[in-house]
Amino acid sequence: RLYTGEYLQLERTAVAGASCSPNGLVGRDNTGAILSCQSGTWKSSSASIWTNIKTFTLYPKNTQVLGRFKLCINTYRIDGREMAETEVVPIDMPDSNGEMTWQAKNYTQYSSYFMKITCLK
């Protein structure tokens, strides 16, 4: 263990995405942001910003596997007064990037009750 009563100065820099060894190393990039060696790759410790990757439209009486994302949500309002039965759920466990395979189901019987789904990475 390393203990310091003040600050720690890391002299050399690393590049996010470059290979590294062993896992668990801590470094910095040329801006001073902290990097860590995970699964043989330098990774940024900063929180990633989710971005709108893809949108889907799913019509009634359909099921669709959407792909691998961190989050998928139904972004079209359905009021539920006419048996608007829909779901957007992950169907496996998260990978090392936090992404899962998502599936959407629209059990609704009314043709006007389509789903608009937004998936984020």
Protein backbone atom coordinates (compact mmCIF):
# COMPACT_ATOMS: atom_id res chain seq x y z
CA ARG A 1 0.00 0.00 0.00
CA LEU A 2 1.03 3.53 -0.65
CA TYR A 3 0.24 6.23 1.88
CA THR A 4 0.80 9.93 1.41
CA GLY A 5 0.02 12.88 3.62
CA GLU A 6 -0.56 15.19 0.71
CA TYR A 7 -0.68 14.51 -3.04
CA LEU A 8 0.49 11.79 -5.38
CA GLN A 9 2.33 12.83 -8.55
CA LEU A 10 2.26 10.36 -11.45
CA GLU A 11 5.05 11.28 -13.86
CA ARG A 12 4.23 9.19 -16.92
CA THR A 13 0.99 9.21 -18.89
CA ALA A 14 -1.16 6.49 -20.41
CA VAL A 15 -3.73 6.52 -23.19
CA ALA A 16 -7.31 5.32 -22.68
CA GLY A 17 -7.91 2.27 -24.87
CA ALA A 18 -4.22 1.26 -25.04
CA SER A 19 -3.14 -2.10 -23.67
CA CYS A 20 -1.73 -2.41 -20.14
CA SER A 21 -0.60 -5.03 -17.65
CA PRO A 22 -1.23 -6.07 -14.95
CA ASN A 23 -4.86 -5.31 -14.18
CA GLY A 24 -5.25 -2.89 -11.27
CA LEU A 25 -2.60 -0.37 -12.32
CA VAL A 26 -3.58 3.27 -11.84
CA GLY A 27 -2.33 5.99 -14.19
CA ARG A 28 -3.24 9.32 -15.70
CA ASP A 29 -3.75 10.67 -19.20
CA ASN A 30 -2.13 13.83 -20.58
CA THR A 31 -4.93 16.00 -19.10
CA GLY A 32 -4.45 14.53 -15.63
CA ALA A 33 -7.61 12.39 -15.66
CA ILE A 34 -7.27 9.10 -13.77
CA LEU A 35 -7.05 5.85 -15.76
CA SER A 36 -7.13 2.28 -14.49
CA CYS A 37 -5.96 -0.95 -16.10
CA GLN A 38 -9.01 -3.20 -16.51
CA SER A 39 -9.03 -6.42 -18.54
CA GLY A 40 -5.70 -5.42 -20.11
CA THR A 41 -6.90 -1.99 -21.30
CA TRP A 42 -6.50 1.52 -19.86
CA LYS A 43 -9.99 2.80 -19.02
CA SER A 44 -11.16 6.24 -17.97
CA SER A 45 -12.57 6.56 -14.49
CA SER A 46 -14.89 9.39 -15.47
CA ALA A 47 -18.60 8.70 -15.76
CA SER A 48 -19.65 8.15 -19.33
CA ILE A 49 -22.46 10.16 -20.86
CA TRP A 50 -25.24 8.04 -22.26
CA THR A 51 -26.09 8.89 -25.80
CA ASN A 52 -29.18 8.27 -27.85
CA ILE A 53 -28.04 5.43 -30.04
CA LYS A 54 -31.15 4.06 -31.69
CA THR A 55 -34.93 4.35 -31.72
CA PHE A 56 -37.40 1.64 -32.61
CA THR A 57 -41.11 1.53 -33.43
CA LEU A 58 -42.98 -1.60 -32.39
CA TYR A 59 -46.54 -2.14 -33.54
CA PRO A 60 -49.17 -4.14 -31.64
CA LYS A 61 -48.95 -7.92 -31.38
CA ASN A 62 -45.18 -7.91 -32.00
CA THR A 63 -42.00 -8.79 -30.13
CA GLN A 64 -38.53 -7.57 -31.10
CA VAL A 65 -35.02 -8.14 -29.76
CA LEU A 66 -33.51 -4.64 -29.84
CA GLY A 67 -29.81 -5.39 -29.37
CA ARG A 68 -27.19 -4.60 -26.72
CA PHE A 69 -27.59 -1.32 -24.83
CA LYS A 70 -27.20 0.04 -21.31
CA LEU A 71 -30.82 1.16 -21.18
CA CYS A 72 -33.93 0.94 -23.36
CA ILE A 73 -37.17 2.73 -22.49
CA ASN A 74 -40.60 3.15 -24.03
CA THR A 75 -40.63 6.86 -24.83
CA TYR A 76 -44.15 7.03 -26.26
CA ARG A 77 -46.92 7.66 -23.75
CA ILE A 78 -49.53 4.95 -23.46
CA ASP A 79 -52.31 5.71 -21.00
CA GLY A 80 -53.29 2.12 -20.22
CA ARG A 81 -57.04 2.70 -20.49
CA GLU A 82 -57.47 0.27 -23.36
CA MET A 83 -55.36 -2.69 -22.28
CA ALA A 84 -52.08 -1.16 -23.43
CA GLU A 85 -49.85 -4.05 -22.40
CA THR A 86 -46.23 -3.36 -23.26
CA GLU A 87 -42.81 -4.16 -21.82
CA VAL A 88 -39.16 -3.35 -22.49
CA VAL A 89 -36.86 -5.67 -20.52
CA PRO A 90 -33.27 -6.95 -20.52
CA ILE A 91 -33.06 -10.65 -21.34
CA ASP A 92 -29.51 -11.35 -20.16
CA MET A 93 -26.93 -10.11 -17.66
CA PRO A 94 -24.80 -6.98 -18.19
CA ASP A 95 -21.42 -7.39 -19.88
CA SER A 96 -18.24 -5.61 -18.76
CA ASN A 97 -19.50 -2.39 -20.42
CA GLY A 98 -22.83 -2.56 -18.59
CA GLU A 99 -24.73 -3.45 -21.77
CA MET A 100 -27.51 -6.03 -21.93
CA THR A 101 -29.64 -7.51 -24.70
CA TRP A 102 -33.05 -5.81 -24.59
CA GLN A 103 -36.39 -7.09 -25.83
CA ALA A 104 -39.63 -5.20 -26.40
CA LYS A 105 -43.12 -6.72 -26.47
CA ASN A 106 -46.30 -4.99 -27.51
CA TYR A 107 -49.31 -7.12 -26.54
CA THR A 108 -51.74 -4.30 -27.27
CA GLN A 109 -54.65 -5.18 -29.51
CA TYR A 110 -55.33 -1.66 -30.79
CA SER A 111 -53.40 -0.60 -33.89
CA SER A 112 -52.97 2.98 -32.69
CA TYR A 113 -51.03 1.85 -29.59
CA PHE A 114 -47.58 1.48 -31.09
CA MET A 115 -44.40 1.78 -29.01
CA LYS A 116 -41.52 4.19 -29.56
CA ILE A 117 -38.43 2.83 -27.84
CA THR A 118 -35.19 4.72 -27.25
CA CYS A 119 -32.04 2.76 -26.45
CA LEU A 120 -28.91 4.28 -24.94
CA LYS A 121 -25.28 3.20 -24.69
